[in-house]
């Protein structure tokens, strides 16, 4: 929770951001409704696919062989820690507070519609892809291989939703979205570096807690982390206001005893 608290505190530095008056984002109802509808369809499809998964039977569980698990992931099999599981819940649901906390800044309050859509699209897209993958992969969680865990836990439908980690992907998506939005509004590179550091650390800690809880293999956590980070960065990026001038620019200028031509190209 210290890492999440640090990220929240750093976001208050938006109060002192200066030098920018124009919003870094464009808001277009037609575009936002298309984006949000697409993300909503992905989320709905993912949840439907996930809910259709059938629990493992006792016979299927007893037939599992831990040596079928890749060596890289096998260390998670003997993990089982309900306290770490609870802590990971606190991290993922605590990160949901970040969008509201960002509204402290006056400039961002003016852009609450586009920022709200950005967070909503990020969350729905991350949820949909994660749940769709879980429903298709049907990978048993590490604790299913652990003989010390109660059979009731192993026969729950969610026990075969290991790949990949929703806690990690969602925390990563929200934290990276927050850091990207912060960077787009801020003109203080030191504050940006601190916020990005927090955005990288918080989902990593969340993933570690899921590993310690016996809920996910390392590969599940890595995949979830990179999916969330990718979505969390790209969604705000797609909403960025485009520069007034792009591409090749030719500008003549005078020199003592002659003239010259300034050539630049903006990517």
Protein backbone atom coordinates (compact mmCIF):
# COMPACT_ATOMS: atom_id res chain seq x y z
CA UNK A 1 0.00 0.00 0.00
CA UNK A 2 2.96 2.36 0.47
CA UNK A 3 3.67 2.23 -3.26
CA UNK A 4 0.04 3.01 -4.11
CA UNK A 5 -0.01 5.84 -1.57
CA UNK A 6 3.16 7.32 -3.07
CA UNK A 7 1.58 7.27 -6.52
CA UNK A 8 -1.51 9.05 -5.18
CA UNK A 9 0.58 11.69 -3.40
CA UNK A 10 2.68 12.35 -6.47
CA UNK A 11 -0.44 12.96 -8.52
CA UNK A 12 -1.19 15.98 -6.35
CA UNK A 13 1.80 17.66 -7.94
CA UNK A 14 -0.51 18.41 -10.84
CA UNK A 15 -1.49 21.43 -8.76
CA UNK A 16 1.85 23.02 -9.51
CA UNK A 17 2.00 22.12 -13.20
CA UNK A 18 2.34 25.29 -15.24
CA UNK A 19 3.07 26.53 -18.72
CA UNK A 20 0.28 24.58 -20.44
CA UNK A 21 -3.18 26.03 -20.99
CA UNK A 22 -4.58 23.96 -23.84
CA UNK A 23 -5.90 20.47 -23.24
CA UNK A 24 -3.57 17.77 -24.55
CA UNK A 25 -6.61 15.74 -25.65
CA UNK A 26 -9.37 16.05 -28.21
CA UNK A 27 -12.92 15.03 -27.34
CA UNK A 28 -15.21 13.80 -30.10
CA UNK A 29 -18.51 12.17 -29.17
CA UNK A 30 -18.68 10.01 -32.29
CA UNK A 31 -15.15 8.71 -31.87
CA UNK A 32 -15.52 8.13 -28.12
CA UNK A 33 -18.78 6.23 -28.55
CA UNK A 34 -17.13 4.03 -31.17
CA UNK A 35 -14.11 3.38 -28.96
CA UNK A 36 -16.24 2.77 -25.85
CA UNK A 37 -18.66 0.50 -27.72
CA UNK A 38 -15.81 -1.55 -29.12
CA UNK A 39 -14.18 -1.87 -25.71
CA UNK A 40 -17.56 -2.75 -24.18
CA UNK A 41 -18.10 -5.51 -26.73
CA UNK A 42 -14.67 -6.93 -25.98
CA UNK A 43 -15.42 -6.82 -22.25
CA UNK A 44 -18.82 -8.46 -22.69
CA UNK A 45 -17.44 -11.16 -24.94
CA UNK A 46 -14.57 -11.85 -22.57
CA UNK A 47 -16.84 -12.16 -19.54
CA UNK A 48 -19.24 -14.43 -21.43
CA UNK A 49 -16.40 -16.70 -22.51
CA UNK A 50 -14.99 -16.79 -18.98
CA UNK A 51 -18.34 -17.58 -17.35
CA UNK A 52 -18.87 -20.52 -19.69
CA UNK A 53 -15.85 -22.33 -18.27
CA UNK A 54 -16.72 -25.49 -16.38
CA UNK A 55 -14.99 -26.32 -13.08
CA UNK A 56 -12.39 -29.06 -12.95
CA UNK A 57 -13.65 -32.39 -11.67
CA UNK A 58 -11.96 -34.23 -8.82
CA UNK A 59 -10.75 -36.85 -11.31
CA UNK A 60 -9.21 -34.15 -13.53
CA UNK A 61 -7.50 -32.56 -10.55
CA UNK A 62 -6.07 -35.85 -9.33
CA UNK A 63 -4.69 -36.57 -12.81
CA UNK A 64 -2.70 -33.34 -12.94
CA UNK A 65 1.08 -33.75 -12.91
CA UNK A 66 3.18 -30.84 -11.65
CA UNK A 67 5.99 -31.89 -13.98
CA UNK A 68 3.79 -30.94 -16.92
CA UNK A 69 4.20 -27.34 -15.72
CA UNK A 70 7.23 -25.56 -17.27
CA UNK A 71 10.16 -25.31 -14.88
CA UNK A 72 9.99 -21.50 -14.94
CA UNK A 73 6.47 -21.63 -13.48
CA UNK A 74 6.80 -24.62 -11.18
CA UNK A 75 7.95 -22.60 -8.15
CA UNK A 76 4.41 -21.24 -7.76
CA UNK A 77 2.87 -24.66 -7.10
CA UNK A 78 3.71 -24.77 -3.39
CA UNK A 79 2.55 -21.21 -2.75
CA UNK A 80 -0.66 -20.61 -0.77
CA UNK A 81 -1.17 -17.42 1.21
CA UNK A 82 -4.70 -16.01 1.73
CA UNK A 83 -3.25 -12.82 3.26
CA UNK A 84 -1.28 -12.13 0.09
CA UNK A 85 -4.47 -12.79 -1.87
CA UNK A 86 -6.32 -10.17 0.20
CA UNK A 87 -3.46 -7.70 -0.18
CA UNK A 88 -3.57 -8.09 -3.97
CA UNK A 89 -7.30 -7.29 -3.85
CA UNK A 90 -6.51 -4.09 -1.96
CA UNK A 91 -3.97 -3.09 -4.59
CA UNK A 92 -6.22 -3.64 -7.60
CA UNK A 93 -9.32 -2.05 -6.10
CA UNK A 94 -7.24 0.71 -4.53
CA UNK A 95 -5.90 1.63 -7.96
CA UNK A 96 -9.47 2.28 -9.09
CA UNK A 97 -9.33 5.44 -6.94
CA UNK A 98 -6.67 6.98 -9.17
CA UNK A 99 -9.09 8.39 -11.81
CA UNK A 100 -11.10 10.26 -9.18
CA UNK A 101 -7.97 11.48 -7.47
CA UNK A 102 -6.68 12.97 -10.72
CA UNK A 103 -9.75 15.22 -10.83
CA UNK A 104 -8.20 17.36 -8.10
CA UNK A 105 -6.43 19.34 -10.81
CA UNK A 106 -8.47 22.17 -12.33
CA UNK A 107 -7.32 21.59 -15.91
CA UNK A 108 -8.15 17.92 -15.67
CA UNK A 109 -11.59 18.62 -14.25
CA UNK A 110 -12.33 20.59 -17.40
CA UNK A 111 -11.40 17.49 -19.40
CA UNK A 112 -13.31 15.07 -17.18
CA UNK A 113 -15.30 13.66 -20.12
CA UNK A 114 -12.35 12.64 -22.25
CA UNK A 115 -10.34 11.46 -19.23
CA UNK A 116 -13.33 9.48 -18.01
CA UNK A 117 -13.69 7.83 -21.40
CA UNK A 118 -9.97 7.06 -21.47
CA UNK A 119 -10.13 5.24 -18.14
CA UNK A 120 -13.37 3.46 -19.05
CA UNK A 121 -12.05 2.29 -22.40
CA UNK A 122 -8.80 1.16 -20.82
CA UNK A 123 -10.57 -0.81 -18.09
CA UNK A 124 -13.10 -2.45 -20.42
CA UNK A 125 -10.51 -3.40 -23.01
CA UNK A 126 -8.15 -4.83 -20.39
CA UNK A 127 -10.97 -6.73 -18.70
CA UNK A 128 -12.26 -8.13 -21.98
CA UNK A 129 -8.93 -9.36 -23.31
CA UNK A 130 -7.98 -10.82 -19.93
CA UNK A 131 -11.27 -12.67 -19.42
CA UNK A 132 -11.39 -13.87 -23.02
CA UNK A 133 -7.90 -15.32 -22.65
CA UNK A 134 -8.82 -16.97 -19.35
CA UNK A 135 -11.90 -18.54 -20.89
CA UNK A 136 -9.98 -19.88 -23.87
CA UNK A 137 -6.81 -21.01 -22.07
CA UNK A 138 -8.58 -22.68 -19.10
CA UNK A 139 -5.25 -23.01 -17.32
CA UNK A 140 -5.38 -24.43 -13.79
CA UNK A 141 -4.06 -22.15 -11.08
CA UNK A 142 -0.89 -23.14 -9.19
CA UNK A 143 -2.77 -24.05 -6.00
CA UNK A 144 -4.70 -26.74 -7.91
CA UNK A 145 -1.46 -28.75 -7.95
CA UNK A 146 -0.88 -28.14 -4.24
CA UNK A 147 -1.97 -31.15 -2.10
CA UNK A 148 -2.35 -28.95 1.00
CA UNK A 149 -5.16 -26.84 -0.51
CA UNK A 150 -8.77 -27.84 0.12
CA UNK A 151 -10.55 -29.59 -2.76
CA UNK A 152 -13.44 -27.11 -2.56
CA UNK A 153 -11.04 -24.37 -3.65
CA UNK A 154 -9.76 -26.48 -6.53
CA UNK A 155 -13.21 -27.32 -7.90
CA UNK A 156 -14.28 -23.67 -8.09
CA UNK A 157 -14.77 -22.41 -11.66
CA UNK A 158 -12.18 -19.67 -11.21
CA UNK A 159 -9.55 -22.29 -10.31
CA UNK A 160 -8.94 -22.82 -14.02
CA UNK A 161 -8.56 -19.13 -14.85
CA UNK A 162 -4.86 -18.77 -14.24
CA UNK A 163 -3.71 -17.35 -17.57
CA UNK A 164 -3.36 -14.50 -17.29
CA UNK A 165 -3.53 -12.42 -14.12
CA UNK A 166 -6.45 -9.97 -14.09
CA UNK A 167 -5.22 -8.30 -10.89
CA UNK A 168 -1.89 -7.56 -12.54
CA UNK A 169 -3.27 -6.54 -15.94
CA UNK A 170 -5.90 -4.20 -14.48
CA UNK A 171 -3.55 -2.57 -11.96
CA UNK A 172 -0.94 -2.14 -14.68
CA UNK A 173 -3.47 -0.64 -17.11
CA UNK A 174 -4.82 1.88 -14.61
CA UNK A 175 -1.38 2.87 -13.31
CA UNK A 176 0.11 3.30 -16.78
CA UNK A 177 -2.93 5.27 -17.92
CA UNK A 178 -2.54 7.52 -14.89
CA UNK A 179 1.16 8.04 -15.57
CA UNK A 180 0.55 8.77 -19.26
CA UNK A 181 -2.20 11.29 -18.47
CA UNK A 182 -0.01 12.89 -15.81
CA UNK A 183 2.84 13.23 -18.33
CA UNK A 184 0.53 14.77 -20.91
CA UNK A 185 -0.52 17.50 -18.48
CA UNK A 186 2.73 18.00 -16.58
CA UNK A 187 5.74 20.08 -17.54
CA UNK A 188 7.90 18.86 -14.65
CA UNK A 189 10.16 16.01 -15.73
CA UNK A 190 11.13 15.12 -12.16
CA UNK A 191 7.50 14.63 -11.14
CA UNK A 192 6.86 12.64 -14.30
CA UNK A 193 9.78 10.32 -13.54
CA UNK A 194 8.50 9.74 -10.01
CA UNK A 195 4.97 8.99 -11.16
CA UNK A 196 6.20 6.61 -13.87
CA UNK A 197 8.35 4.84 -11.28
CA UNK A 198 5.29 4.35 -9.08
CA UNK A 199 3.26 3.18 -12.08
CA UNK A 200 5.87 0.51 -12.83
CA UNK A 201 6.26 -0.67 -9.23
CA UNK A 202 2.61 -0.92 -8.10
CA UNK A 203 1.49 -3.57 -10.63
CA UNK A 204 4.77 -5.44 -10.12
CA UNK A 205 4.02 -5.67 -6.39
CA UNK A 206 0.46 -6.74 -7.19
CA UNK A 207 1.79 -9.51 -9.42
CA UNK A 208 4.20 -10.67 -6.73
CA UNK A 209 1.34 -10.89 -4.24
CA UNK A 210 -0.64 -13.02 -6.69
CA UNK A 211 2.38 -15.30 -7.00
CA UNK A 212 2.75 -15.58 -3.23
CA UNK A 213 -0.97 -16.28 -2.89
CA UNK A 214 -0.64 -19.30 -5.20
CA UNK A 215 -3.11 -17.78 -7.63
CA UNK A 216 -0.84 -17.33 -10.64
CA UNK A 217 2.28 -18.63 -12.30
CA UNK A 218 5.07 -16.16 -13.13
CA UNK A 219 4.18 -16.35 -16.84
CA UNK A 220 0.57 -15.37 -16.02
CA UNK A 221 1.82 -12.31 -14.16
CA UNK A 222 4.28 -11.23 -16.84
CA UNK A 223 1.65 -11.53 -19.58
CA UNK A 224 -0.88 -9.58 -17.52
CA UNK A 225 1.64 -6.87 -16.70
CA UNK A 226 2.60 -6.24 -20.32
CA UNK A 227 -0.97 -6.35 -21.60
CA UNK A 228 -2.08 -3.79 -19.02
CA UNK A 229 0.94 -1.57 -19.63
CA UNK A 230 0.38 -1.64 -23.40
CA UNK A 231 -3.33 -0.83 -23.20
CA UNK A 232 -2.76 1.73 -20.44
CA UNK A 233 -0.25 3.64 -22.57
CA UNK A 234 -1.88 3.35 -25.99
CA UNK A 235 -5.44 4.42 -25.09
CA UNK A 236 -4.40 7.91 -23.84
CA UNK A 237 -1.96 8.17 -26.73
CA UNK A 238 -4.77 7.62 -29.24
CA UNK A 239 -6.64 10.57 -27.72
CA UNK A 240 -3.72 13.01 -27.91
CA UNK A 241 -4.25 16.28 -29.70
CA UNK A 242 -2.27 16.26 -32.92
CA UNK A 243 0.28 19.03 -33.54
CA UNK A 244 -0.83 21.84 -35.81
CA UNK A 245 2.06 21.10 -38.15
CA UNK A 246 3.41 17.69 -38.99
CA UNK A 247 5.76 16.29 -41.54
CA UNK A 248 8.32 18.15 -43.61
CA UNK A 249 8.80 21.85 -42.88
CA UNK A 250 10.89 24.19 -45.06
CA UNK A 251 11.72 27.63 -43.63
CA UNK A 252 13.93 30.18 -45.40
CA UNK A 253 16.16 32.36 -43.24
CA UNK A 254 18.68 35.10 -43.88
CA UNK A 255 22.40 34.96 -43.28
CA UNK A 256 25.02 37.66 -43.42
CA UNK A 257 26.10 37.73 -47.03
CA UNK A 258 23.54 35.14 -48.17
CA UNK A 259 20.52 33.06 -47.33
CA UNK A 260 19.69 29.57 -46.13
CA UNK A 261 16.91 27.02 -45.87
CA UNK A 262 15.91 25.36 -42.57
CA UNK A 263 14.57 21.84 -43.05
CA UNK A 264 12.81 19.86 -40.28
CA UNK A 265 10.61 16.77 -40.13
CA UNK A 266 8.22 16.08 -37.27
CA UNK A 267 7.25 12.45 -36.71
